[in-house]
């Protein structure tokens, strides 16, 4: 399923505008330039709409013609492209056709929007700005690079054996890959998308955690009961710190002062002092501790224990276990609101997610999700929670302020890792069994029409075999 699953289950650029399209990007741009001098934006859109309507009526009422019109019309607007691997049938489901008149009414506004807005916006993209999503492919020993602006796979990078966890450096353009079976970490230069260093660690690393200043990385070696500390400036291991048995994750606090390590086989959490590079305390917690989240002010951490269906709360100022919270069955992942007020717990075997109030350590509610929720992600404005449901092949959407699940979107097979693009207009979903990344549009399109659903699957991007994790990196410069 993912790195946690592995641990727990021991328990050309967009194709461009077609020559045959109803209007070319060039003609639309010319018309819009002229229109800005003579009429309002509303009048321009109406003119385009009338012309497109007239052209559409000239086509015969056949499925083939409608298919060609639809495909050519969305060439310049990738957000409206149907998932390529699902063919035209998926496009028809996404844009429900009924009678010919109804089809025309539904299709024409979309075409007008695609040409009048889509092509113009693509032309205005800063060529020095890059947005990449990196996907680790455990079954093909590689990392796929997705251009999140063009929504396509642009490169496959060979790394070590069975790459699992990924991390992006917050201060430099580098990506770090934990290679579980080759016992090392690959360093990818994001500007060139090539491996520039490989750093040996100890046995079976699954995750990499990078400090907020971008100078150190911490890697828990689950097969050798220790943590490797990497100097990212020199790209060398500067310390190896013994911890408990089968450490799954080493996570550095936001202030960089402590690293928390979940020792799955020892039922403990080790706290490492990052200045002394030594364990300052080891605390007994619940059974099989795994995922960890630390509050933004570095005052408290939470660790999920699937072995006892509990959550442990630890005070990092006093190194004391505050409480053990009974939670849903098999809690495997924790998602923290950016404001630090709530933790969302994915309960894999209960088909629910639970909400824990961070400052009172109380459960405020549990909600049914899809089958086997495995990963959660909260938007930067603290308004929405996305949950990938491994067993039902969909993503649930929970409105935090409203306190209810507001919908779901079907994706590929066995979805797991989640990442939002920097503008949060798209959610990328790693489908571990179908070996692809589903792209969900998270906002209504600008025409605000009834056919523009607030959330919809807009693309499926093939990647390598058995993809595990995903991380975003946006920057200016390079290449």
Protein backbone atom coordinates (compact mmCIF):
# COMPACT_ATOMS: atom_id res chain seq x y z
CA UNK A 1 0.00 0.00 0.00
CA UNK A 2 2.72 2.48 1.03
CA UNK A 3 5.73 2.58 3.32
CA UNK A 4 3.43 2.35 6.34
CA UNK A 5 1.68 -0.57 4.69
CA UNK A 6 5.00 -2.34 4.19
CA UNK A 7 5.79 -1.83 7.86
CA UNK A 8 2.32 -2.61 9.26
CA UNK A 9 1.74 -5.64 7.09
CA UNK A 10 4.65 -7.36 8.62
CA UNK A 11 1.48 -7.08 10.94
CA UNK A 12 5.43 16.75 -25.85
CA UNK A 13 4.25 19.36 -23.79
CA UNK A 14 0.53 19.70 -24.27
CA UNK A 15 -0.37 18.54 -27.72
CA UNK A 16 -1.14 22.12 -28.80
CA UNK A 17 -4.06 23.33 -30.86
CA UNK A 18 -5.07 20.99 -33.68
CA UNK A 19 -5.14 22.33 -37.21
CA UNK A 20 -8.74 21.20 -37.52
CA UNK A 21 -9.99 22.90 -34.36
CA UNK A 22 -12.91 25.27 -34.54
CA UNK A 23 -10.67 28.26 -33.86
CA UNK A 24 -6.89 28.32 -33.39
CA UNK A 25 -5.22 29.87 -30.38
CA UNK A 26 -3.77 32.49 -32.68
CA UNK A 27 -7.10 33.57 -34.04
CA UNK A 28 -8.63 33.75 -30.59
CA UNK A 29 -5.75 35.85 -29.30
CA UNK A 30 -6.10 38.20 -32.29
CA UNK A 31 -9.84 38.50 -31.80
CA UNK A 32 -9.42 39.19 -28.10
CA UNK A 33 -6.77 41.87 -28.76
CA UNK A 34 -9.08 43.64 -31.18
CA UNK A 35 -12.04 43.18 -28.90
CA UNK A 36 -10.32 44.81 -25.94
CA UNK A 37 -10.08 47.99 -27.98
CA UNK A 38 -13.70 48.03 -29.09
CA UNK A 39 -15.94 46.20 -26.68
CA UNK A 40 -16.17 44.90 -23.10
CA UNK A 41 -15.00 41.45 -22.00
CA UNK A 42 -18.64 40.36 -21.82
CA UNK A 43 -19.32 41.35 -25.40
CA UNK A 44 -16.16 39.54 -26.52
CA UNK A 45 -17.21 36.32 -24.84
CA UNK A 46 -20.69 36.61 -26.37
CA UNK A 47 -19.22 37.11 -29.85
CA UNK A 48 -16.98 34.05 -29.48
CA UNK A 49 -19.89 32.03 -28.18
CA UNK A 50 -22.11 32.94 -31.15
CA UNK A 51 -19.41 32.05 -33.67
CA UNK A 52 -18.64 28.76 -31.99
CA UNK A 53 -22.35 27.94 -31.81
CA UNK A 54 -22.75 28.55 -35.52
CA UNK A 55 -19.76 26.35 -36.31
CA UNK A 56 -21.02 23.59 -34.07
CA UNK A 57 -24.45 23.53 -35.76
CA UNK A 58 -22.76 22.87 -39.10
CA UNK A 59 -21.41 19.52 -37.89
CA UNK A 60 -23.44 16.34 -38.45
CA UNK A 61 -25.12 14.73 -35.46
CA UNK A 62 -22.78 11.78 -35.14
CA UNK A 63 -20.79 10.44 -32.23
CA UNK A 64 -17.55 10.64 -34.20
CA UNK A 65 -18.05 14.32 -35.01
CA UNK A 66 -18.93 15.19 -31.44
CA UNK A 67 -15.89 13.25 -30.23
CA UNK A 68 -13.62 15.17 -32.63
CA UNK A 69 -15.14 18.52 -31.69
CA UNK A 70 -14.73 17.82 -27.99
CA UNK A 71 -11.15 16.63 -28.27
CA UNK A 72 -10.02 19.52 -30.49
CA UNK A 73 -11.77 22.08 -28.35
CA UNK A 74 -9.90 21.19 -25.19
CA UNK A 75 -6.43 20.96 -26.72
CA UNK A 76 -5.43 24.40 -25.38
CA UNK A 77 -6.99 23.92 -21.96
CA UNK A 78 -5.53 20.90 -20.14
CA UNK A 79 -7.83 21.32 -17.11
CA UNK A 80 -10.78 20.25 -19.26
CA UNK A 81 -8.98 17.28 -20.87
CA UNK A 82 -10.61 13.93 -20.09
CA UNK A 83 -8.41 11.24 -18.50
CA UNK A 84 -6.44 9.96 -21.47
CA UNK A 85 -6.26 6.38 -20.24
CA UNK A 86 -10.02 6.16 -19.93
CA UNK A 87 -10.77 7.29 -23.47
CA UNK A 88 -13.73 9.21 -24.80
CA UNK A 89 -16.18 7.30 -22.62
CA UNK A 90 -14.69 9.06 -19.59
CA UNK A 91 -15.09 12.38 -21.35
CA UNK A 92 -18.73 11.62 -21.96
CA UNK A 93 -19.25 10.75 -18.31
CA UNK A 94 -17.51 13.93 -17.20
CA UNK A 95 -19.60 16.02 -19.62
CA UNK A 96 -23.04 14.35 -19.67
CA UNK A 97 -24.60 14.61 -23.16
CA UNK A 98 -28.33 14.20 -23.66
CA UNK A 99 -30.19 15.47 -26.71
CA UNK A 100 -28.28 17.21 -29.49
CA UNK A 101 -29.65 20.58 -28.41
CA UNK A 102 -28.66 19.89 -24.84
CA UNK A 103 -25.24 18.75 -25.97
CA UNK A 104 -24.70 21.94 -27.88
CA UNK A 105 -25.80 24.07 -24.96
CA UNK A 106 -23.44 22.21 -22.64
CA UNK A 107 -20.48 22.02 -25.00
CA UNK A 108 -20.38 25.52 -26.43
CA UNK A 109 -19.74 27.41 -23.16
CA UNK A 110 -16.93 24.97 -22.40
CA UNK A 111 -15.37 25.58 -25.81
CA UNK A 112 -15.65 29.33 -25.42
CA UNK A 113 -14.04 29.14 -22.00
CA UNK A 114 -11.26 26.89 -23.24
CA UNK A 115 -10.22 29.22 -26.04
CA UNK A 116 -10.96 32.60 -24.49
CA UNK A 117 -9.32 31.82 -21.14
CA UNK A 118 -7.19 28.65 -21.38
CA UNK A 119 -4.85 29.55 -24.22
CA UNK A 120 -4.31 33.09 -23.00
CA UNK A 121 -3.31 31.91 -19.52
CA UNK A 122 -0.89 29.27 -20.79
CA UNK A 123 0.90 31.89 -22.85
CA UNK A 124 1.43 34.07 -19.79
CA UNK A 125 3.30 31.48 -17.70
CA UNK A 126 6.73 32.67 -16.53
CA UNK A 127 9.23 30.39 -18.35
CA UNK A 128 11.59 30.50 -15.37
CA UNK A 129 8.95 29.17 -12.96
CA UNK A 130 8.66 25.42 -12.43
CA UNK A 131 6.23 23.25 -10.50
CA UNK A 132 7.16 19.59 -10.25
CA UNK A 133 5.59 16.66 -8.46
CA UNK A 134 7.97 13.80 -7.67
CA UNK A 135 6.58 10.26 -7.35
CA UNK A 136 8.61 7.35 -5.97
CA UNK A 137 8.02 4.11 -7.90
CA UNK A 138 8.86 1.18 -5.62
CA UNK A 139 8.37 -1.47 -8.29
CA UNK A 140 10.54 0.15 -10.95
CA UNK A 141 13.33 1.72 -8.86
CA UNK A 142 12.63 5.17 -10.19
CA UNK A 143 11.12 8.59 -9.53
CA UNK A 144 8.64 10.10 -11.98
CA UNK A 145 8.68 13.87 -12.50
CA UNK A 146 5.31 15.44 -13.28
CA UNK A 147 5.02 19.00 -14.56
CA UNK A 148 2.03 20.12 -12.51
CA UNK A 149 1.34 23.07 -14.81
CA UNK A 150 1.17 20.98 -17.98
CA UNK A 151 -0.23 17.97 -16.05
CA UNK A 152 2.06 15.43 -17.69
CA UNK A 153 4.97 13.14 -16.87
CA UNK A 154 8.13 14.77 -18.19
CA UNK A 155 10.89 12.48 -16.93
CA UNK A 156 11.74 9.23 -15.16
CA UNK A 157 14.81 9.25 -12.92
CA UNK A 158 16.59 6.01 -11.95
CA UNK A 159 17.32 5.84 -8.21
CA UNK A 160 18.07 3.05 -5.71
CA UNK A 161 16.12 -0.15 -5.08
CA UNK A 162 12.53 0.14 -3.84
CA UNK A 163 12.28 3.91 -3.34
CA UNK A 164 9.63 4.79 -0.75
CA UNK A 165 9.56 8.09 1.16
CA UNK A 166 10.31 11.47 -0.42
CA UNK A 167 11.18 14.88 1.04
CA UNK A 168 11.72 18.31 -0.51
CA UNK A 169 14.30 20.70 0.83
CA UNK A 170 12.54 23.95 1.88
CA UNK A 171 15.54 26.19 1.15
CA UNK A 172 17.20 24.65 -1.89
CA UNK A 173 16.00 22.91 -5.05
CA UNK A 174 16.64 19.33 -3.98
CA UNK A 175 14.54 16.20 -3.45
CA UNK A 176 15.57 13.29 -1.21
CA UNK A 177 14.55 9.69 -1.84
CA UNK A 178 14.73 6.87 0.73
CA UNK A 179 15.71 3.67 -1.11
CA UNK A 180 14.59 0.89 1.22
CA UNK A 181 16.31 -2.11 -0.35
CA UNK A 182 19.58 -0.45 -1.35
CA UNK A 183 19.99 1.24 2.07
CA UNK A 184 20.73 4.70 0.76
CA UNK A 185 19.28 8.13 -0.02
CA UNK A 186 19.28 9.62 -3.51
CA UNK A 187 19.67 13.39 -3.90
CA UNK A 188 17.86 14.84 -6.93
CA UNK A 189 18.72 18.28 -8.28
CA UNK A 190 15.24 19.68 -9.07
CA UNK A 191 16.60 22.23 -11.56
CA UNK A 192 18.13 19.51 -13.74
CA UNK A 193 16.04 16.56 -12.51
CA UNK A 194 19.07 14.33 -12.20
CA UNK A 195 20.60 12.40 -9.29
CA UNK A 196 23.61 14.36 -8.06
CA UNK A 197 24.52 12.26 -5.01
CA UNK A 198 23.76 8.96 -3.31
CA UNK A 199 24.29 8.80 0.45
CA UNK A 200 24.63 5.43 2.18
CA UNK A 201 22.71 4.90 5.41
CA UNK A 202 21.86 1.75 7.39
CA UNK A 203 19.29 -0.99 6.78
CA UNK A 204 15.79 -0.44 5.41
CA UNK A 205 15.16 3.32 5.47
CA UNK A 206 11.57 4.27 4.66
CA UNK A 207 11.30 8.03 5.22
CA UNK A 208 13.40 11.19 5.15
CA UNK A 209 12.69 14.23 7.36
CA UNK A 210 14.36 17.56 6.55
CA UNK A 211 14.91 20.40 9.02
CA UNK A 212 13.21 23.74 8.35
CA UNK A 213 16.57 25.41 7.63
CA UNK A 214 17.29 22.80 4.95
CA UNK A 215 20.67 21.86 6.39
CA UNK A 216 20.02 18.40 7.90
CA UNK A 217 18.07 15.27 7.07
CA UNK A 218 17.11 12.50 9.49
CA UNK A 219 16.53 8.91 8.35
CA UNK A 220 15.17 6.11 10.55
CA UNK A 221 16.73 2.79 9.57
CA UNK A 222 14.05 0.25 10.46
CA UNK A 223 16.31 -2.76 9.93
CA UNK A 224 19.19 -1.60 12.13
CA UNK A 225 17.54 0.25 15.03
CA UNK A 226 19.27 3.57 14.47
CA UNK A 227 18.87 7.01 12.89
CA UNK A 228 21.24 8.48 10.30
CA UNK A 229 21.86 12.24 10.48
CA UNK A 230 22.87 13.76 7.12
CA UNK A 231 24.64 17.07 6.59
CA UNK A 232 22.92 18.27 3.42
CA UNK A 233 25.57 20.89 2.64
CA UNK A 234 28.32 18.27 2.53
CA UNK A 235 25.99 15.36 1.63
CA UNK A 236 27.53 13.05 4.20
CA UNK A 237 26.29 11.17 7.28
CA UNK A 238 27.60 12.99 10.35
CA UNK A 239 26.08 10.76 13.04
CA UNK A 240 24.36 7.41 13.55
CA UNK A 241 22.24 7.36 16.70
CA UNK A 242 20.99 4.09 18.28
CA UNK A 243 17.27 4.07 19.10
CA UNK A 244 14.62 1.40 19.76
CA UNK A 245 13.77 -1.65 17.67
CA UNK A 246 12.31 -1.23 14.17
CA UNK A 247 12.15 2.56 14.00
CA UNK A 248 9.66 3.49 11.30
CA UNK A 249 9.91 7.26 11.20
CA UNK A 250 12.26 9.98 12.48
CA UNK A 251 10.55 13.37 12.36
CA UNK A 252 12.25 16.69 13.14
CA UNK A 253 10.29 19.39 14.97
CA UNK A 254 9.49 22.71 13.23
CA UNK A 255 11.98 24.56 15.46
CA UNK A 256 14.64 21.94 14.70
CA UNK A 257 15.43 21.21 18.35
CA UNK A 258 14.23 17.61 18.61
CA UNK A 259 13.74 14.55 16.43
CA UNK A 260 10.98 12.12 17.43
CA UNK A 261 11.44 8.47 16.45
CA UNK A 262 8.65 5.89 16.54
CA UNK A 263 10.10 2.50 17.51
CA UNK A 264 7.47 0.12 16.24
CA UNK A 265 8.75 -3.12 17.74
CA UNK A 266 9.72 -1.56 21.08
CA UNK A 267 6.45 0.36 21.66
CA UNK A 268 8.46 3.46 22.47
CA UNK A 269 9.26 6.93 21.15
CA UNK A 270 12.86 8.17 21.24
CA UNK A 271 13.52 11.91 21.52
CA UNK A 272 16.83 13.04 20.01
CA UNK A 273 18.52 16.31 20.99
CA UNK A 274 19.65 17.77 17.65
CA UNK A 275 22.45 19.84 19.18
CA UNK A 276 24.01 16.95 21.07
CA UNK A 277 23.01 14.36 18.44
CA UNK A 278 22.03 11.95 21.19
CA UNK A 279 18.84 10.46 22.62
CA UNK A 280 17.66 12.65 25.49
CA UNK A 281 14.70 10.44 26.48
CA UNK A 282 12.84 7.26 25.55
CA UNK A 283 9.14 7.08 26.39
CA UNK A 284 6.88 4.04 26.54
CA UNK A 285 3.72 4.67 24.56
CA UNK A 286 1.04 2.49 22.92
CA UNK A 287 1.48 -0.59 20.72
CA UNK A 288 3.35 -0.40 17.40
CA UNK A 289 3.81 3.38 17.18
CA UNK A 290 4.16 4.58 13.62
CA UNK A 291 3.13 7.93 12.13
CA UNK A 292 4.06 11.12 13.99
CA UNK A 293 2.90 14.73 13.76
CA UNK A 294 4.33 17.68 15.70
CA UNK A 295 2.44 20.91 16.41
CA UNK A 296 3.68 24.06 14.63
CA UNK A 297 4.98 25.58 17.90
CA UNK A 298 6.96 22.37 18.64
CA UNK A 299 5.24 22.02 22.02
CA UNK A 300 3.59 18.66 21.56
CA UNK A 301 3.65 15.59 19.35
CA UNK A 302 1.16 12.87 18.55
CA UNK A 303 1.97 9.33 17.50
CA UNK A 304 -0.47 6.81 16.01
CA UNK A 305 -0.42 3.25 17.40
CA UNK A 306 -2.26 0.79 15.12
CA UNK A 307 -1.41 -2.11 17.43
CA UNK A 308 -3.68 -0.79 20.20
CA UNK A 309 -5.94 1.57 18.21
CA UNK A 310 -4.69 4.56 20.15
CA UNK A 311 -3.05 7.93 19.80
CA UNK A 312 -0.33 9.03 22.25
CA UNK A 313 0.08 12.72 23.13
CA UNK A 314 3.55 13.77 24.31
CA UNK A 315 4.62 17.10 25.83
CA UNK A 316 7.95 18.05 24.25
CA UNK A 317 8.78 20.61 26.94
CA UNK A 318 8.68 18.04 29.74
CA UNK A 319 9.21 14.81 27.75
CA UNK A 320 6.09 13.36 29.30
CA UNK A 321 3.27 11.24 27.88
CA UNK A 322 0.15 13.31 28.51
CA UNK A 323 -2.48 10.77 27.56
CA UNK A 324 -3.40 7.78 25.42
CA UNK A 325 -6.48 8.44 23.30
CA UNK A 326 -8.66 5.54 22.14
CA UNK A 327 -9.29 6.02 18.45
CA UNK A 328 -10.72 4.04 15.51
CA UNK A 329 -9.50 0.65 14.38
CA UNK A 330 -5.99 0.61 12.86
CA UNK A 331 -5.03 4.31 12.86
CA UNK A 332 -2.22 4.55 10.36
CA UNK A 333 -1.78 8.21 9.38
CA UNK A 334 -2.09 11.66 10.94
CA UNK A 335 -2.92 14.87 9.07
CA UNK A 336 -2.42 18.15 10.92
CA UNK A 337 -4.32 21.36 10.20
CA UNK A 338 -1.83 24.10 9.29
CA UNK A 339 -3.02 26.17 12.26
CA UNK A 340 -2.24 23.24 14.57
CA UNK A 341 -5.71 23.11 16.08
CA UNK A 342 -6.83 19.65 15.00
CA UNK A 343 -5.37 16.29 13.99
CA UNK A 344 -7.20 14.07 11.49
CA UNK A 345 -6.59 10.35 12.01
CA UNK A 346 -7.12 7.83 9.19
CA UNK A 347 -8.60 4.66 10.73
CA UNK A 348 -7.88 2.06 8.06
CA UNK A 349 -10.00 -0.83 9.32
CA UNK A 350 -12.86 1.33 10.64
CA UNK A 351 -13.49 3.12 7.31
CA UNK A 352 -13.49 6.39 9.26
CA UNK A 353 -11.36 9.37 10.11
CA UNK A 354 -11.38 10.86 13.60
CA UNK A 355 -10.77 14.45 14.65
CA UNK A 356 -8.65 15.13 17.74
CA UNK A 357 -8.56 18.60 19.31
CA UNK A 358 -4.85 19.31 19.75
CA UNK A 359 -5.09 21.50 22.83
CA UNK A 360 -7.57 19.40 24.81
CA UNK A 361 -6.60 15.91 23.56
CA UNK A 362 -10.29 15.14 23.02
CA UNK A 363 -12.01 13.52 20.06
CA UNK A 364 -14.51 15.95 18.57
CA UNK A 365 -15.95 13.50 16.05
CA UNK A 366 -15.51 10.52 13.75
CA UNK A 367 -16.87 10.38 10.21
CA UNK A 368 -17.41 7.63 7.69
CA UNK A 369 -15.09 7.89 4.74
CA UNK A 370 -14.67 5.40 1.93
CA UNK A 371 -13.24 1.93 2.42
CA UNK A 372 -9.82 1.83 4.13
CA UNK A 373 -8.86 5.51 4.43
CA UNK A 374 -5.10 5.70 4.27
CA UNK A 375 -3.99 9.32 3.90
CA UNK A 376 -5.33 12.78 4.73
CA UNK A 377 -4.31 16.25 3.57
CA UNK A 378 -5.64 19.65 4.73
CA UNK A 379 -5.73 22.77 2.56
CA UNK A 380 -3.61 25.74 3.61
CA UNK A 381 -6.67 27.79 4.60
CA UNK A 382 -7.75 25.06 7.06
CA UNK A 383 -11.09 24.63 5.27
CA UNK A 384 -11.01 21.22 3.57
CA UNK A 385 -9.67 17.76 4.33
CA UNK A 386 -9.00 15.33 1.48
CA UNK A 387 -8.87 11.61 2.37
CA UNK A 388 -7.66 8.88 0.01
CA UNK A 389 -9.65 5.67 0.42
CA UNK A 390 -7.44 2.73 -0.48
CA UNK A 391 -10.22 0.16 -0.64
CA UNK A 392 -12.90 2.11 -2.55
CA UNK A 393 -10.69 3.87 -5.11
CA UNK A 394 -11.89 7.37 -4.31
CA UNK A 395 -11.06 10.55 -2.43
CA UNK A 396 -13.46 11.95 0.17
CA UNK A 397 -13.82 15.67 0.77
CA UNK A 398 -14.64 16.91 4.28
CA UNK A 399 -15.61 20.55 4.92
CA UNK A 400 -14.00 21.33 8.27
CA UNK A 401 -16.09 24.36 9.26
CA UNK A 402 -19.33 22.68 8.18
CA UNK A 403 -18.42 19.44 9.93
CA UNK A 404 -19.56 17.13 7.14
CA UNK A 405 -18.34 15.09 4.20
CA UNK A 406 -19.39 17.09 1.15
CA UNK A 407 -18.48 14.69 -1.63
CA UNK A 408 -16.06 12.23 -3.18
CA UNK A 409 -14.23 11.79 -6.47
CA UNK A 410 -13.45 8.44 -8.07
CA UNK A 411 -9.79 7.96 -8.97
CA UNK A 412 -7.52 5.06 -9.93
CA UNK A 413 -6.92 1.77 -8.15
CA UNK A 414 -5.76 1.80 -4.49
CA UNK A 415 -5.14 5.55 -4.00
CA UNK A 416 -2.65 6.55 -1.33
CA UNK A 417 -0.32 9.58 -1.39
CA UNK A 418 -1.76 13.08 -1.82
CA UNK A 419 -0.28 16.42 -2.83
CA UNK A 420 -1.81 19.79 -3.66
CA UNK A 421 -0.31 22.02 -6.32
CA UNK A 422 1.04 25.33 -4.96
CA UNK A 423 -2.10 27.24 -5.98
CA UNK A 424 -4.20 24.34 -4.62
CA UNK A 425 -6.31 24.23 -7.79
CA UNK A 426 -5.39 20.58 -8.35
CA UNK A 427 -5.01 17.58 -6.05
CA UNK A 428 -2.61 14.85 -7.18
CA UNK A 429 -3.47 11.33 -6.02
CA UNK A 430 -1.01 8.42 -6.20
CA UNK A 431 -2.82 5.27 -7.36
CA UNK A 432 -0.60 2.43 -6.14
CA UNK A 433 -2.20 -0.47 -8.01
CA UNK A 434 -2.99 1.18 -11.34
CA UNK A 435 0.46 2.87 -11.35
CA UNK A 436 -0.71 6.36 -12.17
CA UNK A 437 -1.46 9.75 -10.65
CA UNK A 438 -5.03 11.01 -10.76
CA UNK A 439 -5.49 14.76 -11.09
CA UNK A 440 -8.54 16.27 -9.39
CA UNK A 441 -9.60 19.84 -10.09
CA UNK A 442 -10.41 21.30 -6.68
CA UNK A 443 -12.16 24.54 -7.69
CA UNK A 444 -14.98 25.49 -10.01
CA UNK A 445 -13.92 26.60 -13.47
CA UNK A 446 -14.18 30.30 -14.13
CA UNK A 447 -17.45 30.22 -16.07
CA UNK A 448 -19.15 29.09 -12.83
CA UNK A 449 -21.70 27.11 -14.82
CA UNK A 450 -23.69 24.07 -13.75
CA UNK A 451 -21.53 21.78 -15.88
CA UNK A 452 -18.35 22.92 -14.12
CA UNK A 453 -18.38 20.68 -11.07
CA UNK A 454 -16.57 22.01 -8.03
CA UNK A 455 -14.34 18.93 -7.88
CA UNK A 456 -13.75 16.60 -10.83
CA UNK A 457 -11.22 14.13 -12.19
CA UNK A 458 -9.51 15.89 -15.10
CA UNK A 459 -6.54 13.70 -15.95
CA UNK A 460 -4.74 10.44 -15.20
CA UNK A 461 -0.96 10.48 -15.62
CA UNK A 462 0.91 7.16 -15.97
CA UNK A 463 3.98 6.76 -13.73
CA UNK A 464 6.20 3.81 -12.76
CA UNK A 465 5.25 0.53 -11.09
CA UNK A 466 3.87 0.53 -7.55
CA UNK A 467 4.14 4.25 -6.82
CA UNK A 468 4.51 5.03 -3.12
CA UNK A 469 4.90 8.67 -2.19
CA UNK A 470 4.57 12.12 -3.75
CA UNK A 471 6.07 15.51 -2.95
CA UNK A 472 5.81 18.93 -4.63
CA UNK A 473 8.59 21.42 -5.39
CA UNK A 474 8.02 24.87 -6.92
CA UNK A 475 10.80 27.32 -7.76
CA UNK A 476 12.07 29.93 -10.20
CA UNK A 477 15.26 29.52 -12.17
CA UNK A 478 17.19 26.60 -13.59
CA UNK A 479 17.28 25.06 -17.03
